[in-house]
């Protein structure tokens, strides 16, 4: 069993290598992430917000899409991997802040954001409850978390966590675990976030919308 820091070190190594090709047609396994951006866009269309934080933003593909549609909002991208943030900054999106930091310990003041999004990053977090607690702290009252990650029915989830992800670790990936809907509910309950939507979607995806 790896320590939290070992998982994070693996994640930094993995995405340092992936940063230059992450948004190209040579992205490999990360190409599938593009399928999930429309879900985030759809949920955000239902929310009135100005300040948005993207947790695990990578090179900023999601923020880039949002910025192209509406550059008047304030977007902040946070990622653990310095190289990802370096590539994101090179886009020169005016008014967007790109920050290297840990999503389990969000480096922001209380009640800073109207909405927080997290897409295909959560399964890299070794202390998921810390993430939810931090989200609750930096959201404004009435603010929302929109999270998309991986889940599956019980037996498949067990196989993912006990075979697929350990194998991914062996080849240098920082995957920790996919979580069940019951686990997600418990994380929300323990942090004080109220669930508006929690569902298992196609392609082993989990969709969550929670409100402070």
C-alpha atoms as a PDB file:
ATOM      1  CA  UNK A   1       0.000   0.000   0.000  1.00  0.00           C
ATOM      2  CA  UNK A   2       1.481   3.319  -1.055  1.00  0.00           C
ATOM      3  CA  UNK A   3       1.467   6.440   1.073  1.00  0.00           C
ATOM      4  CA  UNK A   4      -0.484   9.520   0.021  1.00  0.00           C
ATOM      5  CA  UNK A   5       2.739  11.265  -0.978  1.00  0.00           C
ATOM      6  CA  UNK A   6       3.867   8.301  -3.072  1.00  0.00           C
ATOM      7  CA  UNK A   7       0.603   8.422  -5.018  1.00  0.00           C
ATOM      8  CA  UNK A   8       1.010  12.163  -5.528  1.00  0.00           C
ATOM      9  CA  UNK A   9       4.599  11.742  -6.681  1.00  0.00           C
ATOM     10  CA  UNK A  10       3.454   9.162  -9.234  1.00  0.00           C
ATOM     11  CA  UNK A  11       0.751  11.556 -10.439  1.00  0.00           C
ATOM     12  CA  UNK A  12       3.289  14.352 -10.935  1.00  0.00           C
ATOM     13  CA  UNK A  13       5.616  12.041 -12.873  1.00  0.00           C
ATOM     14  CA  UNK A  14       2.747  10.704 -15.006  1.00  0.00           C
ATOM     15  CA  UNK A  15       1.373  14.078 -15.998  1.00  0.00           C
ATOM     16  CA  UNK A  16       4.743  15.746 -16.450  1.00  0.00           C
ATOM     17  CA  UNK A  17       5.272  13.231 -19.242  1.00  0.00           C
ATOM     18  CA  UNK A  18       1.737  13.751 -20.593  1.00  0.00           C
ATOM     19  CA  UNK A  19       1.625  17.557 -20.478  1.00  0.00           C
ATOM     20  CA  UNK A  20       2.954  18.369 -23.945  1.00  0.00           C
ATOM     21  CA  UNK A  21       0.571  16.005 -25.765  1.00  0.00           C
ATOM     22  CA  UNK A  22      -2.413  16.147 -23.382  1.00  0.00           C
ATOM     23  CA  UNK A  23      -4.625  18.206 -25.713  1.00  0.00           C
ATOM     24  CA  UNK A  24      -3.319  16.837 -29.006  1.00  0.00           C
ATOM     25  CA  UNK A  25      -4.409  13.895 -31.140  1.00  0.00           C
ATOM     26  CA  UNK A  26      -1.484  12.019 -29.604  1.00  0.00           C
ATOM     27  CA  UNK A  27      -2.928  12.068 -26.088  1.00  0.00           C
ATOM     28  CA  UNK A  28      -3.357   8.291 -25.920  1.00  0.00           C
ATOM     29  CA  UNK A  29      -5.481   7.152 -22.989  1.00  0.00           C
ATOM     30  CA  UNK A  30      -6.211  10.778 -22.058  1.00  0.00           C
ATOM     31  CA  UNK A  31      -8.105  11.218 -25.318  1.00  0.00           C
ATOM     32  CA  UNK A  32     -11.177   9.715 -23.615  1.00  0.00           C
ATOM     33  CA  UNK A  33     -11.349  12.685 -21.239  1.00  0.00           C
ATOM     34  CA  UNK A  34     -12.759  14.811 -24.053  1.00  0.00           C
ATOM     35  CA  UNK A  35     -15.967  12.755 -23.942  1.00  0.00           C
ATOM     36  CA  UNK A  36     -16.732  14.117 -20.480  1.00  0.00           C
ATOM     37  CA  UNK A  37     -16.476  17.859 -21.102  1.00  0.00           C
ATOM     38  CA  UNK A  38     -20.059  18.164 -22.445  1.00  0.00           C
ATOM     39  CA  UNK A  39     -21.427  16.892 -19.112  1.00  0.00           C
ATOM     40  CA  UNK A  40     -19.613  19.641 -17.234  1.00  0.00           C
ATOM     41  CA  UNK A  41     -20.766  22.257 -19.744  1.00  0.00           C
ATOM     42  CA  UNK A  42     -24.377  21.080 -19.450  1.00  0.00           C
ATOM     43  CA  UNK A  43     -24.369  21.318 -15.661  1.00  0.00           C
ATOM     44  CA  UNK A  44     -22.694  24.732 -15.658  1.00  0.00           C
ATOM     45  CA  UNK A  45     -25.392  26.118 -17.948  1.00  0.00           C
ATOM     46  CA  UNK A  46     -27.818  25.546 -15.058  1.00  0.00           C
ATOM     47  CA  UNK A  47     -25.694  27.529 -12.581  1.00  0.00           C
ATOM     48  CA  UNK A  48     -25.272  31.272 -12.150  1.00  0.00           C
ATOM     49  CA  UNK A  49     -21.637  31.934 -11.275  1.00  0.00           C
ATOM     50  CA  UNK A  50     -18.706  34.282 -11.729  1.00  0.00           C
ATOM     51  CA  UNK A  51     -15.780  32.633  -9.922  1.00  0.00           C
ATOM     52  CA  UNK A  52     -15.010  29.064 -11.025  1.00  0.00           C
ATOM     53  CA  UNK A  53     -12.277  26.714  -9.820  1.00  0.00           C
ATOM     54  CA  UNK A  54     -11.200  23.704 -11.907  1.00  0.00           C
ATOM     55  CA  UNK A  55      -9.602  21.113  -9.605  1.00  0.00           C
ATOM     56  CA  UNK A  56      -7.063  18.934 -11.387  1.00  0.00           C
ATOM     57  CA  UNK A  57      -7.275  21.220 -14.400  1.00  0.00           C
ATOM     58  CA  UNK A  58      -4.361  19.664 -16.293  1.00  0.00           C
ATOM     59  CA  UNK A  59      -3.343  21.852 -19.222  1.00  0.00           C
ATOM     60  CA  UNK A  60      -6.702  23.610 -19.005  1.00  0.00           C
ATOM     61  CA  UNK A  61      -8.866  22.048 -21.725  1.00  0.00           C
ATOM     62  CA  UNK A  62     -12.095  22.555 -19.771  1.00  0.00           C
ATOM     63  CA  UNK A  63     -11.309  26.152 -18.847  1.00  0.00           C
ATOM     64  CA  UNK A  64     -10.323  26.825 -22.466  1.00  0.00           C
ATOM     65  CA  UNK A  65     -13.761  25.694 -23.629  1.00  0.00           C
ATOM     66  CA  UNK A  66     -15.546  27.775 -20.998  1.00  0.00           C
ATOM     67  CA  UNK A  67     -13.365  30.813 -21.686  1.00  0.00           C
ATOM     68  CA  UNK A  68     -14.087  30.656 -25.411  1.00  0.00           C
ATOM     69  CA  UNK A  69     -17.810  30.713 -24.663  1.00  0.00           C
ATOM     70  CA  UNK A  70     -17.638  33.437 -21.985  1.00  0.00           C
ATOM     71  CA  UNK A  71     -14.401  35.243 -21.158  1.00  0.00           C
ATOM     72  CA  UNK A  72     -16.099  37.600 -18.680  1.00  0.00           C
ATOM     73  CA  UNK A  73     -16.084  35.086 -15.827  1.00  0.00           C
ATOM     74  CA  UNK A  74     -13.135  34.502 -13.491  1.00  0.00           C
ATOM     75  CA  UNK A  75     -11.579  31.080 -14.015  1.00  0.00           C
ATOM     76  CA  UNK A  76      -8.928  29.471 -11.816  1.00  0.00           C
ATOM     77  CA  UNK A  77      -7.138  26.255 -12.726  1.00  0.00           C
ATOM     78  CA  UNK A  78      -5.392  24.230 -10.012  1.00  0.00           C
ATOM     79  CA  UNK A  79      -3.157  21.226 -10.648  1.00  0.00           C
ATOM     80  CA  UNK A  80      -0.562  19.274  -8.707  1.00  0.00           C
ATOM     81  CA  UNK A  81       1.808  18.990 -11.674  1.00  0.00           C
ATOM     82  CA  UNK A  82       3.917  22.092 -12.436  1.00  0.00           C
ATOM     83  CA  UNK A  83       4.406  21.107 -16.089  1.00  0.00           C
ATOM     84  CA  UNK A  84       0.632  20.971 -16.645  1.00  0.00           C
ATOM     85  CA  UNK A  85       0.283  24.505 -15.278  1.00  0.00           C
ATOM     86  CA  UNK A  86       3.237  25.676 -17.371  1.00  0.00           C
ATOM     87  CA  UNK A  87       1.519  24.464 -20.551  1.00  0.00           C
ATOM     88  CA  UNK A  88      -1.799  25.993 -19.441  1.00  0.00           C
ATOM     89  CA  UNK A  89      -0.183  29.396 -18.787  1.00  0.00           C
ATOM     90  CA  UNK A  90       1.289  29.384 -22.286  1.00  0.00           C
ATOM     91  CA  UNK A  91      -2.263  29.724 -23.654  1.00  0.00           C
ATOM     92  CA  UNK A  92      -2.236  33.342 -22.394  1.00  0.00           C
ATOM     93  CA  UNK A  93      -5.923  33.412 -21.518  1.00  0.00           C
ATOM     94  CA  UNK A  94      -6.415  36.923 -20.136  1.00  0.00           C
ATOM     95  CA  UNK A  95      -7.726  37.013 -16.576  1.00  0.00           C
ATOM     96  CA  UNK A  96      -7.384  33.248 -15.988  1.00  0.00           C
ATOM     97  CA  UNK A  97      -5.285  32.216 -12.985  1.00  0.00           C
ATOM     98  CA  UNK A  98      -3.243  28.990 -13.155  1.00  0.00           C
ATOM     99  CA  UNK A  99      -1.923  27.673  -9.848  1.00  0.00           C
ATOM    100  CA  UNK A 100       0.204  24.696  -8.804  1.00  0.00           C
ATOM    101  CA  UNK A 101      -1.412  23.173  -5.734  1.00  0.00           C
ATOM    102  CA  UNK A 102      -2.985  20.223  -3.963  1.00  0.00           C
ATOM    103  CA  UNK A 103      -6.727  19.643  -4.438  1.00  0.00           C
ATOM    104  CA  UNK A 104      -6.913  18.051  -0.996  1.00  0.00           C
ATOM    105  CA  UNK A 105      -5.670  21.309   0.548  1.00  0.00           C
ATOM    106  CA  UNK A 106      -7.143  24.026  -1.648  1.00  0.00           C
ATOM    107  CA  UNK A 107      -4.907  27.126  -1.318  1.00  0.00           C
ATOM    108  CA  UNK A 108      -7.731  29.669  -1.208  1.00  0.00           C
ATOM    109  CA  UNK A 109      -9.596  31.706   1.379  1.00  0.00           C
ATOM    110  CA  UNK A 110     -12.973  30.619   2.719  1.00  0.00           C
ATOM    111  CA  UNK A 111     -15.965  31.264   0.443  1.00  0.00           C
ATOM    112  CA  UNK A 112     -13.942  32.197  -2.654  1.00  0.00           C
ATOM    113  CA  UNK A 113     -15.801  30.345  -5.441  1.00  0.00           C
ATOM    114  CA  UNK A 114     -19.329  30.057  -6.777  1.00  0.00           C
ATOM    115  CA  UNK A 115     -18.654  26.717  -8.446  1.00  0.00           C
ATOM    116  CA  UNK A 116     -15.939  24.066  -8.398  1.00  0.00           C
ATOM    117  CA  UNK A 117     -15.526  21.509 -11.160  1.00  0.00           C
ATOM    118  CA  UNK A 118     -13.461  18.342 -11.111  1.00  0.00           C
ATOM    119  CA  UNK A 119     -13.178  16.116 -14.179  1.00  0.00           C
ATOM    120  CA  UNK A 120     -11.273  12.808 -14.274  1.00  0.00           C
ATOM    121  CA  UNK A 121      -8.955  13.894 -11.468  1.00  0.00           C
ATOM    122  CA  UNK A 122     -10.684  12.640  -8.311  1.00  0.00           C
ATOM    123  CA  UNK A 123      -9.451   9.032  -8.625  1.00  0.00           C
ATOM    124  CA  UNK A 124      -5.920  10.372  -8.090  1.00  0.00           C
ATOM    125  CA  UNK A 125      -6.746  11.727  -4.612  1.00  0.00           C
ATOM    126  CA  UNK A 126      -5.499   9.494  -1.761  1.00  0.00           C
ATOM    127  CA  UNK A 127      -7.481  11.456   0.867  1.00  0.00           C
ATOM    128  CA  UNK A 128     -10.859  12.080  -0.804  1.00  0.00           C
ATOM    129  CA  UNK A 129     -12.592  13.284   2.352  1.00  0.00           C
ATOM    130  CA  UNK A 130     -10.006  16.059   2.641  1.00  0.00           C
ATOM    131  CA  UNK A 131     -10.922  17.153  -0.887  1.00  0.00           C
ATOM    132  CA  UNK A 132     -14.637  17.340  -0.062  1.00  0.00           C
ATOM    133  CA  UNK A 133     -13.949  19.193   3.197  1.00  0.00           C
ATOM    134  CA  UNK A 134     -11.754  21.690   1.355  1.00  0.00           C
ATOM    135  CA  UNK A 135     -14.382  22.172  -1.363  1.00  0.00           C
ATOM    136  CA  UNK A 136     -16.996  22.934   1.302  1.00  0.00           C
ATOM    137  CA  UNK A 137     -14.701  25.526   2.881  1.00  0.00           C
ATOM    138  CA  UNK A 138     -13.879  27.494  -0.278  1.00  0.00           C
ATOM    139  CA  UNK A 139     -17.377  27.419  -1.814  1.00  0.00           C
ATOM    140  CA  UNK A 140     -19.654  30.339  -1.132  1.00  0.00           C
ATOM    141  CA  UNK A 141     -23.064  29.595   0.429  1.00  0.00           C
ATOM    142  CA  UNK A 142     -25.208  28.137  -2.326  1.00  0.00           C
ATOM    143  CA  UNK A 143     -22.086  27.292  -4.340  1.00  0.00           C
ATOM    144  CA  UNK A 144     -21.870  23.983  -6.159  1.00  0.00           C
ATOM    145  CA  UNK A 145     -19.432  21.176  -6.821  1.00  0.00           C
ATOM    146  CA  UNK A 146     -19.743  19.483 -10.223  1.00  0.00           C
ATOM    147  CA  UNK A 147     -17.661  16.313 -10.236  1.00  0.00           C
ATOM    148  CA  UNK A 148     -17.183  13.644 -12.875  1.00  0.00           C
ATOM    149  CA  UNK A 149     -15.036  10.577 -12.371  1.00  0.00           C
ATOM    150  CA  UNK A 150     -15.105   6.789 -12.588  1.00  0.00           C
ATOM    151  CA  UNK A 151     -17.331   4.287 -10.818  1.00  0.00           C
ATOM    152  CA  UNK A 152     -18.904   0.897 -11.517  1.00  0.00           C
ATOM    153  CA  UNK A 153     -21.169  -1.748 -10.021  1.00  0.00           C
ATOM    154  CA  UNK A 154     -19.644  -3.544  -7.032  1.00  0.00           C
ATOM    155  CA  UNK A 155     -17.790  -6.511  -8.625  1.00  0.00           C
ATOM    156  CA  UNK A 156     -16.421  -4.407 -11.497  1.00  0.00           C
ATOM    157  CA  UNK A 157     -15.387  -1.649  -9.091  1.00  0.00           C
ATOM    158  CA  UNK A 158     -13.475  -4.222  -7.027  1.00  0.00           C
ATOM    159  CA  UNK A 159     -11.630  -5.411 -10.124  1.00  0.00           C
ATOM    160  CA  UNK A 160     -10.811  -1.838 -11.123  1.00  0.00           C
ATOM    161  CA  UNK A 161      -9.369  -1.053  -7.707  1.00  0.00           C
ATOM    162  CA  UNK A 162      -7.559  -4.346  -7.110  1.00  0.00           C
ATOM    163  CA  UNK A 163      -6.212  -5.132 -10.581  1.00  0.00           C
ATOM    164  CA  UNK A 164      -6.431  -2.259 -13.068  1.00  0.00           C
ATOM    165  CA  UNK A 165      -5.233   0.559 -10.818  1.00  0.00           C
ATOM    166  CA  UNK A 166      -2.358  -1.372  -9.174  1.00  0.00           C
ATOM    167  CA  UNK A 167      -1.177  -2.299 -12.673  1.00  0.00           C
ATOM    168  CA  UNK A 168      -1.407   1.365 -13.641  1.00  0.00           C
ATOM    169  CA  UNK A 169       0.779   2.198 -10.625  1.00  0.00           C
ATOM    170  CA  UNK A 170       3.392  -0.289 -11.825  1.00  0.00           C
ATOM    171  CA  UNK A 171       3.715   1.531 -15.150  1.00  0.00           C
ATOM    172  CA  UNK A 172       4.037   4.894 -13.415  1.00  0.00           C
ATOM    173  CA  UNK A 173       0.483   6.182 -13.068  1.00  0.00           C
ATOM    174  CA  UNK A 174      -0.857   7.827  -9.917  1.00  0.00           C
ATOM    175  CA  UNK A 175      -4.344   6.270  -9.875  1.00  0.00           C
ATOM    176  CA  UNK A 176      -5.578   5.590  -6.329  1.00  0.00           C
ATOM    177  CA  UNK A 177      -9.161   4.280  -6.509  1.00  0.00           C
ATOM    178  CA  UNK A 178     -12.522   4.623  -8.200  1.00  0.00           C
ATOM    179  CA  UNK A 179     -15.263   5.234  -5.653  1.00  0.00           C
ATOM    180  CA  UNK A 180     -18.744   3.804  -5.228  1.00  0.00           C
ATOM    181  CA  UNK A 181     -21.823   6.009  -5.118  1.00  0.00           C
ATOM    182  CA  UNK A 182     -22.192   5.108  -1.424  1.00  0.00           C
ATOM    183  CA  UNK A 183     -18.676   6.358  -0.762  1.00  0.00           C
ATOM    184  CA  UNK A 184     -19.380   9.609  -2.591  1.00  0.00           C
ATOM    185  CA  UNK A 185     -22.563  10.069  -0.569  1.00  0.00           C
ATOM    186  CA  UNK A 186     -20.616   9.551   2.648  1.00  0.00           C
ATOM    187  CA  UNK A 187     -17.946  12.084   1.592  1.00  0.00           C
ATOM    188  CA  UNK A 188     -20.675  14.658   0.922  1.00  0.00           C
ATOM    189  CA  UNK A 189     -22.511  13.907   4.160  1.00  0.00           C
ATOM    190  CA  UNK A 190     -19.324  14.153   6.232  1.00  0.00           C
ATOM    191  CA  UNK A 191     -18.349  17.467   4.656  1.00  0.00           C
ATOM    192  CA  UNK A 192     -21.815  18.983   4.916  1.00  0.00           C
ATOM    193  CA  UNK A 193     -22.447  19.218   1.170  1.00  0.00           C
ATOM    194  CA  UNK A 194     -25.985  18.425   0.022  1.00  0.00           C
ATOM    195  CA  UNK A 195     -26.313  16.141  -2.995  1.00  0.00           C
ATOM    196  CA  UNK A 196     -28.467  17.425  -5.859  1.00  0.00           C
ATOM    197  CA  UNK A 197     -27.467  14.710  -8.339  1.00  0.00           C
ATOM    198  CA  UNK A 198     -25.514  11.491  -7.911  1.00  0.00           C
ATOM    199  CA  UNK A 199     -25.680   8.891 -10.642  1.00  0.00           C
ATOM    200  CA  UNK A 200     -23.800   6.177 -12.467  1.00  0.00           C
ATOM    201  CA  UNK A 201     -23.646   7.034 -16.160  1.00  0.00           C
ATOM    202  CA  UNK A 202     -22.438   5.275 -19.307  1.00  0.00           C
ATOM    203  CA  UNK A 203     -18.823   4.152 -19.734  1.00  0.00           C
ATOM    204  CA  UNK A 204     -18.364   3.662 -15.961  1.00  0.00           C
ATOM    205  CA  UNK A 205     -18.764   7.367 -15.265  1.00  0.00           C
ATOM    206  CA  UNK A 206     -20.019   8.913 -12.043  1.00  0.00           C
ATOM    207  CA  UNK A 207     -21.773  12.282 -12.076  1.00  0.00           C
ATOM    208  CA  UNK A 208     -22.177  14.395  -8.947  1.00  0.00           C
ATOM    209  CA  UNK A 209     -23.653  17.816  -8.302  1.00  0.00           C
ATOM    210  CA  UNK A 210     -23.548  18.928  -4.664  1.00  0.00           C
ATOM    211  CA  UNK A 211     -24.412  22.267  -3.065  1.00  0.00           C
ATOM    212  CA  UNK A 212     -23.142  24.089   0.011  1.00  0.00           C
END
